[in-house]
Amino acid sequence: MRGRTGNRSRLLLLYILVFPAAAFGQSRAPGIEPAPPIFPFTTCAAIPSTPVIGLLGSTPFGVPLVERKASCLPGPSPGQSFPSCAGQAGAPGGAHGASLGSPKLFAGDIVHDQGRIWVFPWQVAHGRHWKPALAFTLATAGLVELDPRDTPYFRRTQSFAGFNNSFSSLKTGLGEGLFPVGFFLVGRVRGDSYAEKTALLAGEALADAEIVSEVMKNVDRRLRPREISNGDFADTWFKAGGGILIDRGSFPSGHAIGAFAMATVVAERYRQHRWVPWVAYGLASAVGFSRITLQAHFPSDIFAGAVLGYAISHYVILRKQ
């Protein structure tokens, strides 16, 4: 049994390390153009750069949408050569891309992101984005109500012992932390600047997500299922001790919010490969489910973490591209 468990653990680690290499191989295979940015502004046509269509409005979190310019067109077909779009919004090496090059400016991006994130409740209070906020709140409240009914099953069962060993807290935590590093190193070895940018965006998304998670955990101080000894899974809020970066607080799941934040970055930047979103969100879902079977979180914690992780990457990190 130990041999099988050890083999599964090694296969999981190998999968985490090989996945970015496989994604890069798909995007940089001979005869296939590199993966395009989130908005197709890779190259410029030799026409006037007068702004034409403005995508007015803002996303939830208040990030303005990127304005399309007539001078920026999708990448050229084989044999064509268009001038570079370097320096324009949305282009590799543009304004935000350049900022990811230094640790100081990278930290500045995170501070800027946090400002966008934490003004969202104020925007909802003033009547903006209230529909998705209401839907998220109602869905989370419904799952919280169901937590005392579904959590005891995972306390009793031993069916997930092997799964829990392969997806332990330590292994999944290390996997999340090392994933952007592995992504970046593979991109650097292959000379793939798009992959390097993806890795840095994933790291930024992970940092933003974990900051949000830590703040919320220390506010709601919800007990973890494994900390409950009297069987009362309903009375769990404001019971845990406070503290930063310690094993306290259950809502939302830090593993889930980080996994889905990085999965969203990878899935959207490599979405032209149909298998990438399935693999990215599949791995994130496995990480989230493991937090339930390990009795580290309630299902509602996982749901909230997944939605918040997706929203942070989709509406804050990637919308700046």
Protein backbone atom coordinates (compact mmCIF):
# COMPACT_ATOMS: atom_id res chain seq x y z
CA MET A 1 0.00 0.00 0.00
CA ARG A 2 2.80 2.42 0.86
CA GLY A 3 4.46 1.67 -2.46
CA ARG A 4 1.29 2.50 -4.37
CA THR A 5 0.75 5.70 -2.39
CA GLY A 6 4.33 6.74 -2.96
CA ASN A 7 4.00 6.10 -6.68
CA ARG A 8 0.84 8.24 -6.82
CA SER A 9 2.59 11.05 -4.99
CA ARG A 10 5.54 10.94 -7.38
CA LEU A 11 3.20 10.88 -10.37
CA LEU A 12 1.34 13.92 -8.98
CA LEU A 13 4.58 15.86 -8.55
CA LEU A 14 5.74 14.83 -12.02
CA TYR A 15 2.39 15.96 -13.46
CA ILE A 16 2.72 19.38 -11.81
CA LEU A 17 6.18 19.82 -13.30
CA VAL A 18 5.39 18.38 -16.75
CA PHE A 19 2.10 20.25 -17.31
CA PRO A 20 3.71 23.63 -18.06
CA ALA A 21 6.21 21.99 -20.40
CA ALA A 22 3.38 20.28 -22.27
CA ALA A 23 1.44 23.53 -22.53
CA PHE A 24 4.48 25.35 -23.86
CA GLY A 25 5.17 22.55 -26.30
CA GLN A 26 1.67 22.93 -27.70
CA SER A 27 2.04 26.68 -28.01
CA ARG A 28 5.52 26.63 -29.53
CA ALA A 29 5.46 23.51 -31.67
CA PRO A 30 6.98 23.82 -35.17
CA GLY A 31 4.54 25.39 -37.58
CA ILE A 32 2.27 26.67 -34.81
CA GLU A 33 2.32 30.31 -33.73
CA PRO A 34 2.88 31.13 -30.06
CA ALA A 35 -0.21 31.39 -27.88
CA PRO A 36 -1.87 34.81 -28.36
CA PRO A 37 -2.42 37.29 -25.53
CA ILE A 38 -5.82 37.64 -23.89
CA PHE A 39 -6.65 40.41 -26.36
CA PRO A 40 -5.26 39.85 -29.87
CA PHE A 41 -3.04 42.93 -30.16
CA THR A 42 0.16 41.06 -30.99
CA THR A 43 1.02 43.02 -34.11
CA CYS A 44 0.20 46.31 -35.81
CA ALA A 45 -0.93 47.02 -39.33
CA ALA A 46 0.61 49.96 -41.15
CA ILE A 47 -2.51 52.12 -40.81
CA PRO A 48 -3.26 55.22 -38.73
CA SER A 49 -3.52 54.55 -35.00
CA THR A 50 -6.74 56.48 -34.48
CA PRO A 51 -8.89 54.91 -31.75
CA VAL A 52 -12.05 53.52 -33.24
CA ILE A 53 -14.27 51.36 -31.03
CA GLY A 54 -14.19 51.99 -27.28
CA LEU A 55 -15.35 49.14 -25.06
CA LEU A 56 -17.03 51.39 -22.54
CA GLY A 57 -17.75 50.52 -18.95
CA SER A 58 -15.85 48.63 -16.32
CA THR A 59 -15.62 45.14 -14.93
CA PRO A 60 -16.73 44.14 -11.43
CA PHE A 61 -13.71 45.34 -9.28
CA GLY A 62 -13.73 48.57 -11.34
CA VAL A 63 -11.04 47.77 -13.92
CA PRO A 64 -11.73 49.62 -17.19
CA LEU A 65 -11.90 47.49 -20.29
CA VAL A 66 -9.12 47.82 -22.85
CA GLU A 67 -9.81 50.07 -25.83
CA ARG A 68 -9.32 48.56 -29.25
CA LYS A 69 -7.26 50.53 -31.76
CA ALA A 70 -7.50 50.29 -35.52
CA SER A 71 -3.73 49.91 -35.75
CA CYS A 72 -3.74 46.69 -33.75
CA LEU A 73 -4.83 43.59 -35.56
CA PRO A 74 -4.47 39.86 -34.87
CA GLY A 75 -1.12 38.31 -35.66
CA PRO A 76 -0.06 37.98 -39.31
CA SER A 77 -0.59 34.88 -41.33
CA PRO A 78 2.50 32.86 -42.28
CA GLY A 79 4.76 34.89 -44.56
CA GLN A 80 3.39 38.28 -43.51
CA SER A 81 5.31 40.79 -41.43
CA PHE A 82 3.63 43.58 -39.48
CA PRO A 83 5.33 46.16 -37.26
CA SER A 84 5.46 45.39 -33.55
CA CYS A 85 2.88 46.66 -31.09
CA ALA A 86 5.44 46.95 -28.29
CA GLY A 87 4.44 49.52 -25.73
CA GLN A 88 0.71 49.51 -26.51
CA ALA A 89 -1.88 48.21 -24.10
CA GLY A 90 -2.38 44.51 -24.41
CA ALA A 91 0.85 43.82 -26.29
CA PRO A 92 3.55 41.57 -24.88
CA GLY A 93 6.11 43.83 -23.29
CA GLY A 94 3.57 46.63 -23.04
CA ALA A 95 2.80 48.73 -20.01
CA HIS A 96 1.80 45.98 -17.63
CA GLY A 97 4.14 43.43 -19.15
CA ALA A 98 7.13 45.66 -18.48
CA SER A 99 6.08 46.17 -14.88
CA LEU A 100 6.34 42.46 -14.23
CA GLY A 101 10.04 42.57 -14.94
CA SER A 102 11.19 43.90 -11.56
CA PRO A 103 10.27 42.71 -8.04
CA LYS A 104 9.61 46.28 -6.90
CA LEU A 105 7.10 47.02 -9.67
CA PHE A 106 5.65 43.52 -9.33
CA ALA A 107 4.90 44.30 -5.67
CA GLY A 108 3.41 47.61 -6.81
CA ASP A 109 1.06 45.72 -9.13
CA ILE A 110 -0.14 43.62 -6.20
CA VAL A 111 -0.81 46.74 -4.12
CA HIS A 112 -2.73 48.22 -7.06
CA ASP A 113 -4.69 44.99 -7.46
CA GLN A 114 -5.66 44.99 -3.80
CA GLY A 115 -7.03 48.49 -4.17
CA ARG A 116 -9.24 47.32 -7.03
CA ILE A 117 -10.38 44.27 -5.09
CA TRP A 118 -11.31 45.94 -1.82
CA VAL A 119 -13.35 48.75 -3.41
CA PHE A 120 -15.73 46.11 -4.80
CA PRO A 121 -17.97 45.97 -1.67
CA TRP A 122 -18.21 49.77 -1.80
CA GLN A 123 -19.29 49.55 -5.45
CA VAL A 124 -21.94 46.96 -4.60
CA ALA A 125 -23.23 49.19 -1.80
CA HIS A 126 -23.69 51.92 -4.39
CA GLY A 127 -25.71 49.72 -6.74
CA ARG A 128 -23.01 48.41 -9.08
CA HIS A 129 -22.50 44.71 -9.88
CA TRP A 130 -25.14 43.78 -7.32
CA LYS A 131 -26.61 40.91 -9.36
CA PRO A 132 -23.48 38.68 -9.44
CA ALA A 133 -22.72 39.68 -5.84
CA LEU A 134 -26.24 38.66 -4.78
CA ALA A 135 -26.02 35.35 -6.68
CA PHE A 136 -22.68 34.55 -5.03
CA THR A 137 -23.99 35.46 -1.59
CA LEU A 138 -27.14 33.36 -1.93
CA ALA A 139 -25.26 30.34 -3.28
CA THR A 140 -22.69 30.55 -0.48
CA ALA A 141 -25.39 30.96 2.16
CA GLY A 142 -27.18 27.89 0.82
CA LEU A 143 -24.00 25.82 1.01
CA VAL A 144 -23.28 27.09 4.53
CA GLU A 145 -26.74 25.91 5.52
CA LEU A 146 -25.96 22.46 4.10
CA ASP A 147 -22.51 22.18 5.74
CA PRO A 148 -23.79 20.53 8.96
CA ARG A 149 -25.50 17.85 6.84
CA ASP A 150 -22.75 16.92 4.37
CA THR A 151 -19.61 17.41 6.48
CA PRO A 152 -20.20 14.50 8.95
CA TYR A 153 -19.92 12.01 6.08
CA PHE A 154 -16.31 13.01 5.43
CA ARG A 155 -15.60 12.74 9.15
CA ARG A 156 -16.75 9.09 9.19
CA THR A 157 -15.55 7.68 5.88
CA GLN A 158 -12.13 6.18 5.16
CA SER A 159 -12.76 5.96 1.42
CA PHE A 160 -10.46 8.86 0.59
CA ALA A 161 -7.38 7.77 2.55
CA GLY A 162 -5.25 7.25 -0.57
CA PHE A 163 -6.52 10.43 -2.20
CA ASN A 164 -5.80 12.41 0.97
CA ASN A 165 -2.25 11.10 1.03
CA SER A 166 -1.63 12.15 -2.56
CA PHE A 167 -3.30 15.54 -2.09
CA SER A 168 -2.13 16.35 1.42
CA SER A 169 -2.04 19.94 2.64
CA LEU A 170 1.75 20.06 2.36
CA LYS A 171 1.89 18.62 -1.16
CA THR A 172 -0.83 20.82 -2.61
CA GLY A 173 0.55 23.90 -0.86
CA LEU A 174 4.03 23.26 -2.25
CA GLY A 175 2.54 22.50 -5.65
CA GLU A 176 0.74 25.85 -5.75
CA GLY A 177 3.83 27.73 -4.65
CA LEU A 178 6.16 25.99 -7.10
CA PHE A 179 3.82 26.03 -10.09
CA PRO A 180 4.54 29.64 -11.19
CA VAL A 181 8.26 29.04 -10.62
CA GLY A 182 8.25 25.90 -12.77
CA PHE A 183 6.19 27.63 -15.43
CA PHE A 184 8.63 30.54 -15.55
CA LEU A 185 11.75 28.36 -15.67
CA VAL A 186 10.42 26.23 -18.52
CA GLY A 187 9.50 29.39 -20.42
CA ARG A 188 12.95 30.85 -19.82
CA VAL A 189 14.69 27.69 -21.02
CA ARG A 190 12.54 27.60 -24.15
CA GLY A 191 12.92 31.32 -24.81
CA ASP A 192 9.13 31.66 -24.53
CA SER A 193 8.35 35.18 -23.26
CA TYR A 194 4.61 34.49 -23.38
CA ALA A 195 5.05 31.58 -20.99
CA GLU A 196 7.23 33.70 -18.69
CA LYS A 197 4.52 36.38 -18.64
CA THR A 198 1.90 33.73 -17.86
CA ALA A 199 3.97 32.47 -14.94
CA LEU A 200 4.38 35.96 -13.53
CA LEU A 201 0.67 36.65 -13.87
CA ALA A 202 -0.08 33.35 -12.12
CA GLY A 203 2.25 34.34 -9.29
CA GLU A 204 0.57 37.74 -9.04
CA ALA A 205 -2.86 36.09 -8.99
CA LEU A 206 -1.74 33.67 -6.27
CA ALA A 207 -0.40 36.51 -4.11
CA ASP A 208 -3.55 38.60 -4.53
CA ALA A 209 -5.79 35.63 -3.76
CA GLU A 210 -3.91 34.61 -0.63
CA ILE A 211 -4.00 38.16 0.74
CA VAL A 212 -7.77 38.24 0.33
CA SER A 213 -8.06 34.81 1.94
CA GLU A 214 -5.96 35.75 4.97
CA VAL A 215 -7.93 38.94 5.60
CA MET A 216 -11.29 37.17 5.35
CA LYS A 217 -10.18 34.28 7.56
CA ASN A 218 -9.09 36.62 10.31
CA VAL A 219 -12.40 38.46 10.13
CA ASP A 220 -14.83 35.51 10.13
CA ARG A 221 -12.57 33.12 12.18
CA ARG A 222 -14.59 30.07 11.21
CA LEU A 223 -13.59 26.78 12.77
CA ARG A 224 -12.30 24.02 10.51
CA PRO A 225 -14.28 20.75 10.53
CA ARG A 226 -11.37 18.84 12.10
CA GLU A 227 -11.34 21.31 15.02
CA ILE A 228 -14.92 20.46 15.98
CA SER A 229 -15.07 17.74 18.62
CA ASN A 230 -18.67 18.05 19.85
CA GLY A 231 -20.27 17.30 16.48
CA ASP A 232 -21.89 20.75 16.20
CA PHE A 233 -20.98 21.75 12.65
CA ALA A 234 -23.48 24.63 12.63
CA ASP A 235 -21.95 26.90 15.28
CA THR A 236 -18.56 27.55 13.66
CA TRP A 237 -18.25 31.29 13.06
CA PHE A 238 -16.05 33.62 15.13
CA LYS A 239 -14.70 30.71 17.16
CA ALA A 240 -11.16 30.26 15.85
CA GLY A 241 -8.18 32.22 17.10
CA GLY A 242 -6.78 35.03 15.00
CA GLY A 243 -3.34 35.34 13.48
CA ILE A 244 -1.54 35.76 10.18
CA LEU A 245 -0.26 32.74 8.20
CA ILE A 246 -1.23 30.23 10.89
CA ASP A 247 -3.59 27.28 10.72
CA ARG A 248 -6.65 29.26 11.76
CA GLY A 249 -9.79 30.27 9.94
CA SER A 250 -11.68 28.19 7.43
CA PHE A 251 -13.58 30.62 5.18
CA PRO A 252 -12.63 30.84 2.36
CA SER A 253 -10.21 28.04 1.53
CA GLY A 254 -6.73 29.41 0.87
CA HIS A 255 -5.82 26.35 -1.20
CA ALA A 256 -8.96 26.67 -3.35
CA ILE A 257 -8.71 30.41 -3.93
CA GLY A 258 -5.05 30.08 -4.94
CA ALA A 259 -5.59 27.04 -7.15
CA PHE A 260 -8.50 28.59 -9.06
CA ALA A 261 -6.74 31.95 -9.39
CA MET A 262 -3.77 30.31 -11.12
CA ALA A 263 -5.97 27.90 -13.10
CA THR A 264 -7.91 30.84 -14.52
CA VAL A 265 -4.73 32.57 -15.68
CA VAL A 266 -3.45 29.45 -17.43
CA ALA A 267 -6.85 28.45 -18.84
CA GLU A 268 -7.55 31.85 -20.36
CA ARG A 269 -4.09 32.53 -21.74
CA TYR A 270 -3.89 29.07 -23.35
CA ARG A 271 -7.56 28.67 -24.11
CA GLN A 272 -6.93 28.02 -27.82
CA HIS A 273 -5.79 24.53 -26.71
CA ARG A 274 -9.06 22.92 -25.66
CA TRP A 275 -7.45 20.52 -23.20
CA VAL A 276 -5.72 23.22 -21.13
CA PRO A 277 -8.82 24.65 -19.36
CA TRP A 278 -10.00 21.12 -18.58
CA VAL A 279 -6.68 20.19 -17.03
CA ALA A 280 -6.21 23.50 -15.21
CA TYR A 281 -9.67 23.61 -13.66
CA GLY A 282 -9.60 19.83 -13.10
CA LEU A 283 -6.45 20.09 -10.99
CA ALA A 284 -7.87 23.08 -9.11
CA SER A 285 -11.07 21.13 -8.40
CA ALA A 286 -9.06 18.16 -7.13
CA VAL A 287 -7.18 20.47 -4.77
CA GLY A 288 -10.44 21.97 -3.55
CA PHE A 289 -12.09 18.57 -3.01
CA SER A 290 -9.06 17.36 -1.07
CA ARG A 291 -9.61 20.15 1.45
CA ILE A 292 -13.07 18.69 2.17
CA THR A 293 -11.93 15.08 2.47
CA LEU A 294 -9.05 16.15 4.72
CA GLN A 295 -11.59 17.88 7.01
CA ALA A 296 -9.69 21.13 6.55
CA HIS A 297 -12.68 22.98 5.06
CA PHE A 298 -16.42 22.90 4.59
CA PRO A 299 -17.85 22.67 1.05
CA SER A 300 -18.99 26.29 1.29
CA ASP A 301 -15.37 27.34 1.99
CA ILE A 302 -14.28 25.65 -1.24
CA PHE A 303 -17.06 27.19 -3.31
CA ALA A 304 -16.29 30.67 -2.03
CA GLY A 305 -12.56 30.21 -2.62
CA ALA A 306 -13.11 28.94 -6.16
CA VAL A 307 -15.40 31.81 -7.15
CA LEU A 308 -13.17 34.45 -5.57
CA GLY A 309 -10.03 32.98 -7.15
CA TYR A 310 -11.65 32.97 -10.59
CA ALA A 311 -12.99 36.52 -10.16
CA ILE A 312 -9.64 37.93 -9.01
CA SER A 313 -7.81 36.54 -12.04
CA HIS A 314 -10.52 37.13 -14.63
CA TYR A 315 -11.62 40.62 -13.61
CA VAL A 316 -8.44 42.07 -12.08
CA ILE A 317 -5.27 40.32 -13.26
CA LEU A 318 -6.15 39.49 -16.86
CA ARG A 319 -8.27 42.55 -17.61
CA LYS A 320 -5.11 44.68 -17.25
CA GLN A 321 -3.71 42.96 -20.32
